[in-house]
Each structure stands twice: as C-alpha cells, then as structure tokens.
Protein backbone atom coordinates (compact mmCIF):
# COMPACT_ATOMS: atom_id res chain seq x y z
CA MET A 1 125.37 114.26 107.59
CA GLU A 2 128.52 115.11 105.66
CA LEU A 3 128.33 118.23 103.53
CA GLU A 4 129.21 117.64 99.85
CA LYS A 5 129.71 121.30 98.89
CA PHE A 6 128.55 124.79 99.75
CA GLU A 7 125.54 126.43 98.09
CA LEU A 8 124.77 130.07 97.36
CA GLY A 9 122.40 131.65 99.90
CA LYS A 10 122.81 128.98 102.58
CA TYR A 11 124.15 129.25 106.13
CA TYR A 12 126.77 127.01 107.72
CA ARG A 13 128.45 126.25 111.05
CA HIS A 14 131.84 124.59 111.50
CA ASN A 15 132.23 121.78 114.05
CA GLY A 16 135.17 123.67 115.59
CA GLY A 17 133.28 126.96 115.80
CA GLY A 18 132.47 129.74 113.39
CA GLU A 19 129.56 130.39 111.07
CA MET A 20 129.15 131.78 107.58
CA HIS A 21 126.56 132.75 104.99
CA ILE A 22 127.37 132.25 101.30
CA VAL A 23 126.36 135.64 99.89
CA GLY A 24 127.73 135.74 96.37
CA VAL A 25 130.00 134.61 93.58
CA ALA A 26 133.05 136.50 92.35
CA ASP A 27 135.55 136.07 89.53
CA THR A 28 138.96 136.61 91.11
CA ILE A 29 142.53 136.54 89.90
CA MET A 30 143.84 134.42 92.77
CA TRP A 31 141.01 131.90 93.28
CA GLY A 32 139.17 131.98 89.95
CA THR A 33 135.39 131.82 90.26
CA THR A 34 134.65 131.47 93.96
CA PHE A 35 131.90 131.88 96.53
CA ILE A 36 132.07 134.86 98.88
CA ALA A 37 131.03 134.17 102.47
CA GLU A 38 130.00 136.61 105.18
CA GLU A 39 131.38 135.30 108.44
CA GLY A 40 129.37 135.33 111.66
CA ASP A 41 131.57 138.05 113.14
CA GLY A 42 129.85 140.54 110.83
CA GLN A 43 133.17 142.01 109.74
CA THR A 44 134.77 139.49 107.40
CA LEU A 45 134.15 138.44 103.80
CA THR A 46 136.02 135.28 102.77
CA PRO A 47 136.53 133.44 99.47
CA ILE A 48 135.19 129.87 99.65
CA SER A 49 135.84 127.14 97.07
CA MET A 50 132.80 126.35 94.95
CA ASN A 51 133.77 122.84 93.88
CA SER A 52 136.13 121.35 96.44
CA LYS A 53 134.57 118.75 98.72
CA ASP A 54 137.60 119.23 101.00
CA SER A 55 136.60 122.83 101.76
CA ALA A 56 133.26 121.62 103.14
CA VAL A 57 134.75 119.15 105.65
CA ASN A 58 133.37 119.68 109.18
CA TRP A 59 130.78 122.24 108.02
CA PHE A 60 127.04 121.66 108.30
CA GLU A 61 124.01 123.66 107.23
CA ILE A 62 122.11 125.79 109.75
CA THR A 63 119.04 128.01 109.49
CA LYS A 64 119.04 131.74 108.86
CA GLU A 65 117.57 132.19 112.35
CA GLU A 66 120.54 130.37 113.91
CA PHE A 67 123.00 132.53 111.94
CA MET A 68 121.18 135.75 112.85
CA LYS A 69 121.83 135.08 116.56
CA ASN A 70 125.30 136.52 115.81
CA TYR A 71 123.62 139.90 115.39
CA SER A 72 121.35 140.04 118.40
C-alpha cells in the first residue's frame, strides 16, 4: 500500500533499505516546520517533510518491534 505521508510517532522502512522513526516536530530556518526522524543506525537525526507526498515514496510503515531490531 502506498504511503500518503509520514505521521508523528510511527516507524517506517524504505524499499531500498533504511528505517526511521518520526520522533518530533521542529521549526527550522531551512525547512520550515518539519518532522525529525531518528534513523535506524541510531546515530542520525534527519528532517523529513511533513506535507510532501513525494517524500513518502517507497516508504512503508513497520512496527516498533521491527524497528527495535536495529538495537539488538
């Protein structure tokens, strides 16, 4: 199922690899109001568009348990 947009608190995996957890919202100079995602590598925080359907292409929702496998 095609993802329409990201949601705060949810976990996602990209078809090409990589996972992220949307952990917060920030008001930034460069991106305006944006989501902040914790990537599965446990070291990276990334700004993620809140309203662009294009930013959600090839991402799908996963469970917290699936995401937490990055930390075991």
